[in-house]
Amino acid sequence: MDPDFQLESPGAASLAGRRIVVAMSGGVDSSVVAALAAASGAETIGVTLQLYDHGAAVGRKGACCAGQDIRDARAVADRLGIAHYVFDYESRFRDSVIADFADEYAAGRTPIPCVRCNQGVKFTDLFGIARDLGADCLATGHYVRRVLGEGADGRPRPELHRAADPARDQSYFLFATTADQLAYLRFPLGGMPKPRVREIAAELGLGVAAKPDSQDICFVPDGDYAGIVKKLRPEAAEEGDIVGLDGRMLGRHRGLIHFTVGQRRGIEIGGSPEPLYVVRLEPATKRLVVGPRRALAVSAAVLEDVNWIGEGHGGPITAKVRSLAKPVPARFEDGVVRFDQPEYGVAPGQAAVLYGGDRVLGGGWISETVPAEIAVAA
């Protein structure tokens, strides 16, 4: 069975006889998804993965998947009268997400742990749990839309599209979703604005209606990601030289883990005739290479571990190289994204996500960049 779980309000068409597993983080979004699933008439089961426990984090509002958040998820499930299970995936999360996060920073790259979490723990392990529970689908609180298009064989084929509310769109973080996963996933909030989600939670008397949104990096208790990296990879916090594009020493830095490509703050070098930005990190020599903004311009980015779900798309594409960046016109061929105009602040370790209009075509991890001519001349 493949239930069409695209509900936007309680009381929609009944899905009696179906079973939906909802990934519940303890936040308002996943709680409302659970409420919509229960209101659909389907047997609804809430599942929460305990992913970490960093002391202060367990009581901190705005986190997810730990301490108070698990209790909030359970309270919502009790309120809705649905089953709720908690699975301990702390060691798996530590090995596959937190360790990778530290390794990437130690290697001079800028990681995106949310994508790694979706790739592994959430959209692999959680899938297994949902299938073991006999669910017809797995529903999450992500703000993206699942649209049925037409495959090459003429059969309906699910596509991943941006959320209706651009301010809430999370499609960048889901570029690694596979076609098989997309067939099983449901995103009931993709067509709704966040205020409406909170209204539904309040109307249903859910205690999380006004709960703050989760942080981007959920496992960092106080926002000090450098502290997490330093604890796991002390060598990444060692001091080193700050050099210009010509190799001339300009000063000292307090550890590469405090910097990323395109960053301006924290360089703390005086006497420069123009603002300086981080152009490159060199972990082998512990050098931080800085230069003027024009030195950040790149014409292309080489991708690795590319995931493509854009079957049948033959039109123009755009590329998004940071979660908050605007998609820009580009071309994609043989694992390389070539930008129509120079793009700035493209950091290895980040993802380049490719779109055809609002549709997510796929993407990959940026392994290296190709300087634009303007950068070569800098």
Protein backbone atom coordinates (compact mmCIF):
# COMPACT_ATOMS: atom_id res chain seq x y z
CA MET A 1 0.00 0.00 0.00
CA ASP A 2 1.09 3.54 -0.69
CA PRO A 3 -1.13 5.97 1.21
CA ASP A 4 -1.41 9.47 -0.15
CA PHE A 5 -0.54 11.27 3.07
CA GLN A 6 -0.69 14.86 1.85
CA LEU A 7 -2.99 16.23 4.52
CA GLU A 8 -3.10 19.91 5.39
CA SER A 9 -5.65 19.93 8.17
CA PRO A 10 -7.29 17.58 10.67
CA GLY A 11 -10.41 15.87 9.44
CA ALA A 12 -9.20 15.22 5.89
CA ALA A 13 -10.07 12.06 3.96
CA SER A 14 -9.78 8.93 6.10
CA LEU A 15 -6.80 6.61 5.79
CA ALA A 16 -8.36 3.95 8.01
CA GLY A 17 -6.56 0.64 7.67
CA ARG A 18 -3.20 2.28 6.94
CA ARG A 19 -0.25 2.59 9.29
CA ILE A 20 1.95 5.69 9.42
CA VAL A 21 5.18 6.03 11.38
CA VAL A 22 5.99 9.63 12.30
CA ALA A 23 9.53 10.74 13.15
CA MET A 24 8.98 12.77 16.33
CA SER A 25 11.79 15.04 17.53
CA GLY A 26 9.77 16.72 20.27
CA GLY A 27 9.32 19.94 18.27
CA VAL A 28 6.15 21.58 17.04
CA ASP A 29 6.59 20.50 13.41
CA SER A 30 6.83 16.75 13.94
CA SER A 31 4.15 16.96 16.65
CA VAL A 32 1.69 18.50 14.18
CA VAL A 33 2.58 15.85 11.61
CA ALA A 34 1.70 13.20 14.21
CA ALA A 35 -1.59 14.99 14.88
CA LEU A 36 -2.44 15.13 11.16
CA ALA A 37 -1.60 11.46 10.78
CA ALA A 38 -3.80 10.50 13.71
CA ALA A 39 -6.64 12.69 12.38
CA SER A 40 -6.44 10.94 9.01
CA GLY A 41 -7.77 7.72 10.51
CA ALA A 42 -4.52 5.83 10.01
CA GLU A 43 -2.93 3.89 12.84
CA THR A 44 -0.16 6.26 13.88
CA ILE A 45 3.06 5.36 15.64
CA GLY A 46 5.50 7.99 16.87
CA VAL A 47 9.19 7.12 16.83
CA THR A 48 11.94 9.17 18.46
CA LEU A 49 15.64 8.46 18.08
CA GLN A 50 17.76 9.45 21.07
CA LEU A 51 20.83 10.76 19.31
CA TYR A 52 23.00 12.47 21.89
CA ASP A 53 23.31 13.54 25.50
CA HIS A 54 25.78 16.34 26.08
CA GLY A 55 24.86 17.34 29.61
CA ALA A 56 23.49 20.85 29.26
CA ALA A 57 21.91 19.96 25.95
CA VAL A 58 19.37 17.62 27.50
CA GLY A 59 17.58 20.48 29.22
CA ARG A 60 18.13 23.13 26.60
CA LYS A 61 15.13 24.29 24.63
CA GLY A 62 15.76 24.54 20.93
CA ALA A 63 17.59 21.23 20.71
CA CYS A 64 16.18 17.97 19.39
CA CYS A 65 16.45 14.25 19.96
CA ALA A 66 17.59 14.36 23.59
CA GLY A 67 16.34 14.81 27.17
CA GLN A 68 13.45 17.24 27.39
CA ASP A 69 12.66 16.85 23.71
CA ILE A 70 12.03 13.14 24.13
CA ARG A 71 9.73 13.89 27.04
CA ASP A 72 7.90 16.47 24.91
CA ALA A 73 7.43 13.93 22.12
CA ARG A 74 6.03 11.41 24.56
CA ALA A 75 3.64 13.98 26.04
CA VAL A 76 2.33 14.82 22.55
CA ALA A 77 1.85 11.13 21.76
CA ASP A 78 -0.06 10.68 25.01
CA ARG A 79 -2.22 13.69 24.17
CA LEU A 80 -3.00 12.24 20.73
CA GLY A 81 -3.52 8.73 22.03
CA ILE A 82 -0.91 7.15 19.77
CA ALA A 83 1.90 4.69 20.45
CA HIS A 84 5.37 6.16 20.95
CA TYR A 85 8.72 4.40 20.93
CA VAL A 86 12.21 5.70 21.72
CA PHE A 87 15.28 4.04 20.22
CA ASP A 88 18.81 4.66 21.47
CA TYR A 89 21.01 5.60 18.51
CA GLU A 90 23.53 7.68 20.45
CA SER A 91 26.60 5.60 19.52
CA ARG A 92 25.56 5.42 15.87
CA PHE A 93 24.99 9.17 15.76
CA ARG A 94 28.32 9.83 17.46
CA ASP A 95 30.23 7.63 15.02
CA SER A 96 28.47 8.65 11.80
CA VAL A 97 27.64 12.33 12.38
CA ILE A 98 29.61 13.91 15.22
CA ALA A 99 32.91 12.19 14.36
CA ASP A 100 32.49 13.10 10.69
CA PHE A 101 31.75 16.70 11.71
CA ALA A 102 35.03 16.88 13.65
CA ASP A 103 37.00 15.14 10.89
CA GLU A 104 35.74 17.56 8.26
CA TYR A 105 36.71 20.62 10.29
CA ALA A 106 40.11 19.10 11.04
CA ALA A 107 40.59 18.63 7.28
CA GLY A 108 39.83 22.30 6.61
CA ARG A 109 36.37 21.73 5.20
CA THR A 110 32.98 23.08 6.31
CA PRO A 111 30.61 20.19 7.09
CA ILE A 112 26.82 20.03 7.12
CA PRO A 113 25.93 17.54 9.89
CA CYS A 114 22.18 17.83 9.23
CA VAL A 115 22.62 16.28 5.77
CA ARG A 116 24.82 13.50 7.15
CA CYS A 117 22.18 12.78 9.77
CA ASN A 118 19.43 12.62 7.14
CA GLN A 119 21.59 10.37 4.95
CA GLY A 120 22.34 7.95 7.74
CA VAL A 121 20.49 7.79 11.03
CA LYS A 122 17.21 9.37 9.92
CA PHE A 123 16.70 8.19 6.36
CA THR A 124 18.41 4.81 6.71
CA ASP A 125 18.04 3.51 10.25
CA LEU A 126 14.66 5.16 10.82
CA PHE A 127 13.47 3.71 7.52
CA GLY A 128 14.38 0.26 8.77
CA ILE A 129 12.45 0.82 11.98
CA ALA A 130 9.37 2.06 10.10
CA ARG A 131 9.40 -0.94 7.78
CA ASP A 132 9.89 -3.33 10.69
CA LEU A 133 6.80 -1.77 12.26
CA GLY A 134 4.84 -2.51 9.08
CA ALA A 135 4.27 1.13 8.18
CA ASP A 136 2.93 2.16 4.79
CA CYS A 137 4.99 5.34 4.93
CA LEU A 138 7.29 7.43 7.09
CA ALA A 139 6.20 11.01 7.73
CA THR A 140 8.50 13.81 8.90
CA GLY A 141 8.17 17.48 9.76
CA HIS A 142 10.52 18.73 7.04
CA TYR A 143 9.41 21.73 5.03
CA VAL A 144 9.62 20.27 1.52
CA ARG A 145 7.00 19.04 -0.91
CA ARG A 146 6.63 15.60 -2.43
CA VAL A 147 5.02 15.95 -5.87
CA LEU A 148 3.96 13.07 -8.10
CA GLY A 149 5.44 13.52 -11.55
CA GLU A 150 5.70 11.07 -14.43
CA GLY A 151 8.62 8.71 -14.83
CA ALA A 152 10.22 7.59 -18.09
CA ASP A 153 7.97 4.52 -18.03
CA GLY A 154 4.85 6.68 -17.83
CA ARG A 155 4.15 5.70 -14.24
CA PRO A 156 3.74 8.22 -11.41
CA ARG A 157 7.10 9.05 -9.89
CA PRO A 158 7.58 11.14 -6.73
CA GLU A 159 9.65 14.29 -7.03
CA LEU A 160 11.17 16.46 -4.32
CA HIS A 161 10.22 20.14 -4.50
CA ARG A 162 10.87 23.25 -2.45
CA ALA A 163 8.43 24.12 0.31
CA ALA A 164 5.64 26.56 -0.49
CA ASP A 165 7.04 28.91 2.18
CA PRO A 166 10.51 29.99 0.95
CA ALA A 167 11.50 31.12 4.45
CA ARG A 168 11.02 27.57 5.79
CA ASP A 169 12.29 25.55 2.82
CA GLN A 170 14.62 22.69 3.86
CA SER A 171 15.19 21.10 0.46
CA TYR A 172 18.91 21.94 0.54
CA PHE A 173 19.37 19.54 3.45
CA LEU A 174 17.53 16.70 1.70
CA PHE A 175 19.41 16.60 -1.61
CA ALA A 176 20.81 13.16 -0.76
CA THR A 177 17.34 11.59 -0.54
CA THR A 178 17.12 8.66 -2.94
CA ALA A 179 14.24 7.78 -5.25
CA ASP A 180 13.40 4.71 -3.15
CA GLN A 181 13.36 6.78 0.04
CA LEU A 182 11.22 9.44 -1.59
CA ALA A 183 8.66 6.80 -2.56
CA TYR A 184 8.24 5.93 1.13
CA LEU A 185 8.46 9.42 2.65
CA ARG A 186 5.69 11.93 3.27
CA PHE A 187 6.09 15.65 4.12
CA PRO A 188 2.66 16.96 5.20
CA LEU A 189 3.96 20.43 6.13
CA GLY A 190 5.53 21.27 2.77
CA GLY A 191 2.58 23.33 1.61
CA MET A 192 1.95 25.14 4.91
CA PRO A 193 3.40 28.33 6.43
CA LYS A 194 4.95 27.95 9.89
CA PRO A 195 2.38 30.19 11.63
CA ARG A 196 -0.39 27.84 10.51
CA VAL A 197 1.51 24.87 11.93
CA ARG A 198 1.71 26.57 15.32
CA GLU A 199 -2.00 27.44 15.09
CA ILE A 200 -2.89 23.78 14.56
CA ALA A 201 -0.72 22.79 17.53
CA ALA A 202 -2.47 25.38 19.71
CA GLU A 203 -5.94 24.36 18.49
CA LEU A 204 -5.18 20.77 19.45
CA GLY A 205 -3.83 21.72 22.85
CA LEU A 206 -0.31 20.46 22.18
CA GLY A 207 2.13 21.71 24.80
CA VAL A 208 4.82 22.35 22.18
CA ALA A 209 2.78 24.92 20.23
CA ALA A 210 5.09 27.78 21.24
CA LYS A 211 8.29 25.77 21.57
CA PRO A 212 11.34 27.39 19.86
CA ASP A 213 12.62 25.87 16.63
CA SER A 214 15.54 23.47 16.82
CA GLN A 215 19.06 24.69 16.16
CA ASP A 216 20.91 23.84 12.93
CA ILE A 217 23.59 21.90 14.82
CA CYS A 218 21.53 20.08 17.41
CA PHE A 219 24.38 18.39 19.28
CA VAL A 220 26.25 21.61 20.14
CA PRO A 221 24.84 22.65 23.55
CA ASP A 222 26.03 26.26 23.60
CA GLY A 223 26.69 27.06 19.94
CA ASP A 224 30.44 26.53 20.43
CA TYR A 225 31.03 24.04 17.61
CA ALA A 226 34.78 24.74 17.78
CA GLY A 227 34.74 23.41 21.34
CA ILE A 228 33.23 20.13 20.16
CA VAL A 229 35.84 19.78 17.42
CA LYS A 230 38.69 20.67 19.79
CA LYS A 231 37.57 18.01 22.24
CA LEU A 232 37.52 15.30 19.55
CA ARG A 233 40.39 16.51 17.33
CA PRO A 234 42.74 18.67 19.47
CA GLU A 235 45.20 19.11 16.60
CA ALA A 236 42.59 21.15 14.71
CA ALA A 237 42.81 23.89 17.36
CA GLU A 238 46.55 24.50 17.00
CA GLU A 239 47.69 27.99 16.08
CA GLY A 240 49.24 28.81 12.71
CA ASP A 241 50.19 31.50 10.25
CA ILE A 242 47.86 33.82 8.39
CA VAL A 243 49.28 34.42 4.92
CA GLY A 244 48.30 36.43 1.87
CA LEU A 245 47.74 35.04 -1.62
CA ASP A 246 51.45 35.55 -2.32
CA GLY A 247 52.45 33.51 0.75
CA ARG A 248 53.59 36.52 2.75
CA MET A 249 52.98 36.13 6.47
CA LEU A 250 50.44 38.62 7.80
CA GLY A 251 49.79 37.36 11.31
CA ARG A 252 48.76 34.39 13.46
CA HIS A 253 45.45 32.61 13.94
CA ARG A 254 44.12 30.69 16.95
CA GLY A 255 43.13 27.51 15.12
CA LEU A 256 41.67 26.67 11.71
CA ILE A 257 38.50 25.33 13.35
CA HIS A 258 37.43 28.95 13.91
CA PHE A 259 37.36 29.76 10.19
CA THR A 260 35.60 28.86 6.96
CA VAL A 261 35.94 30.00 3.35
CA GLY A 262 34.39 33.43 2.81
CA GLN A 263 34.64 34.46 6.46
CA ARG A 264 35.73 38.00 7.27
CA ARG A 265 35.29 38.33 11.03
CA GLY A 266 37.99 37.08 13.35
CA ILE A 267 40.96 37.48 11.00
CA GLU A 268 42.20 40.44 13.08
CA ILE A 269 44.85 41.83 10.75
CA GLY A 270 45.40 45.55 10.64
CA GLY A 271 46.90 47.71 7.96
CA SER A 272 45.25 46.11 4.94
CA PRO A 273 44.01 48.62 2.30
CA GLU A 274 40.85 46.52 1.77
CA PRO A 275 38.87 43.98 3.78
CA LEU A 276 40.38 40.48 3.90
CA TYR A 277 38.45 37.22 3.65
CA VAL A 278 39.34 33.58 4.21
CA VAL A 279 40.19 32.19 0.78
CA ARG A 280 41.63 28.81 1.70
CA LEU A 281 42.50 26.64 4.70
CA GLU A 282 45.64 24.47 4.59
CA PRO A 283 45.51 21.91 7.43
CA ALA A 284 48.83 20.29 6.50
CA THR A 285 50.72 23.54 7.16
CA LYS A 286 48.10 25.06 9.50
CA ARG A 287 48.08 28.13 7.25
CA LEU A 288 45.06 30.38 6.81
CA VAL A 289 45.16 32.00 3.38
CA VAL A 290 43.37 35.33 3.11
CA GLY A 291 42.75 37.83 0.33
CA PRO A 292 40.35 40.45 -1.05
CA ARG A 293 36.76 39.50 -1.85
CA ARG A 294 37.52 39.06 -5.56
CA ALA A 295 39.82 36.17 -4.61
CA LEU A 296 36.73 34.23 -3.47
CA ALA A 297 35.24 34.11 -6.97
CA VAL A 298 34.98 30.61 -8.44
CA SER A 299 33.77 29.49 -11.85
CA ALA A 300 33.04 25.87 -10.97
CA ALA A 301 32.88 23.32 -8.17
CA VAL A 302 33.87 19.66 -8.36
CA LEU A 303 31.37 17.37 -6.62
CA GLU A 304 31.75 13.94 -5.06
CA ASP A 305 29.17 11.40 -3.92
CA VAL A 306 26.61 12.89 -6.30
CA ASN A 307 22.98 11.87 -5.79
CA TRP A 308 20.67 12.39 -8.78
CA ILE A 309 16.87 12.20 -8.58
CA GLY A 310 16.15 14.45 -11.55
CA GLU A 311 15.05 11.80 -14.02
CA GLY A 312 13.41 13.32 -17.07
CA HIS A 313 14.56 16.88 -16.47
CA GLY A 314 15.99 18.49 -19.59
CA GLY A 315 15.60 22.18 -18.88
CA PRO A 316 17.83 24.82 -17.29
CA ILE A 317 19.16 24.27 -13.80
CA THR A 318 20.22 26.40 -10.87
CA ALA A 319 22.69 25.58 -8.12
CA LYS A 320 22.67 26.46 -4.44
CA VAL A 321 26.04 26.23 -2.67
CA ARG A 322 24.98 27.19 0.89
CA SER A 323 21.77 26.67 2.80
CA LEU A 324 21.01 30.42 2.88
CA ALA A 325 22.31 31.22 -0.62
CA LYS A 326 20.06 31.96 -3.57
CA PRO A 327 20.09 29.40 -6.39
CA VAL A 328 22.11 30.71 -9.35
CA PRO A 329 22.09 29.66 -13.04
CA ALA A 330 24.54 26.85 -13.68
CA ARG A 331 25.39 23.83 -15.81
CA PHE A 332 26.18 20.35 -14.54
CA GLU A 333 28.23 17.73 -16.36
CA ASP A 334 30.52 14.88 -15.30
CA GLY A 335 30.37 15.78 -11.62
CA VAL A 336 31.24 19.45 -12.13
CA VAL A 337 28.93 22.42 -11.53
CA ARG A 338 29.84 25.40 -13.72
CA PHE A 339 28.34 28.73 -12.72
CA ASP A 340 27.12 31.16 -15.37
CA GLN A 341 28.57 34.00 -13.28
CA PRO A 342 31.38 33.85 -10.66
CA GLU A 343 30.10 32.55 -7.33
CA TYR A 344 31.58 33.66 -4.02
CA GLY A 345 32.29 31.91 -0.73
CA VAL A 346 32.06 28.35 -2.08
CA ALA A 347 33.52 26.12 0.63
CA PRO A 348 34.76 22.52 0.27
CA GLY A 349 32.70 20.28 2.54
CA GLN A 350 29.47 22.12 1.80
CA ALA A 351 26.93 20.79 -0.68
CA ALA A 352 25.95 22.04 -4.11
CA VAL A 353 22.26 21.31 -4.63
CA LEU A 354 20.81 21.40 -8.13
CA TYR A 355 17.29 22.55 -8.99
CA GLY A 356 15.04 22.60 -12.01
CA GLY A 357 12.66 25.37 -11.02
CA ASP A 358 11.33 24.30 -7.63
CA ARG A 359 12.26 20.67 -8.16
CA VAL A 360 15.34 19.19 -6.47
CA LEU A 361 17.35 17.35 -9.11
CA GLY A 362 20.10 16.18 -6.78
CA GLY A 363 23.46 17.39 -5.64
CA GLY A 364 26.80 16.42 -4.18
CA TRP A 365 29.55 17.39 -1.77
CA ILE A 366 31.97 20.11 -2.89
CA SER A 367 35.48 18.59 -2.93
CA GLU A 368 37.31 21.46 -4.65
CA THR A 369 36.65 24.70 -6.48
CA VAL A 370 37.94 26.24 -9.71
CA PRO A 371 38.99 29.89 -9.37
CA ALA A 372 37.34 32.36 -11.71
CA GLU A 373 39.61 34.49 -13.90
CA ILE A 374 38.94 37.45 -11.64
CA ALA A 375 40.43 35.44 -8.76
CA VAL A 376 43.51 34.40 -10.73
CA ALA A 377 44.20 38.02 -11.52
CA ALA A 378 43.81 39.10 -7.88
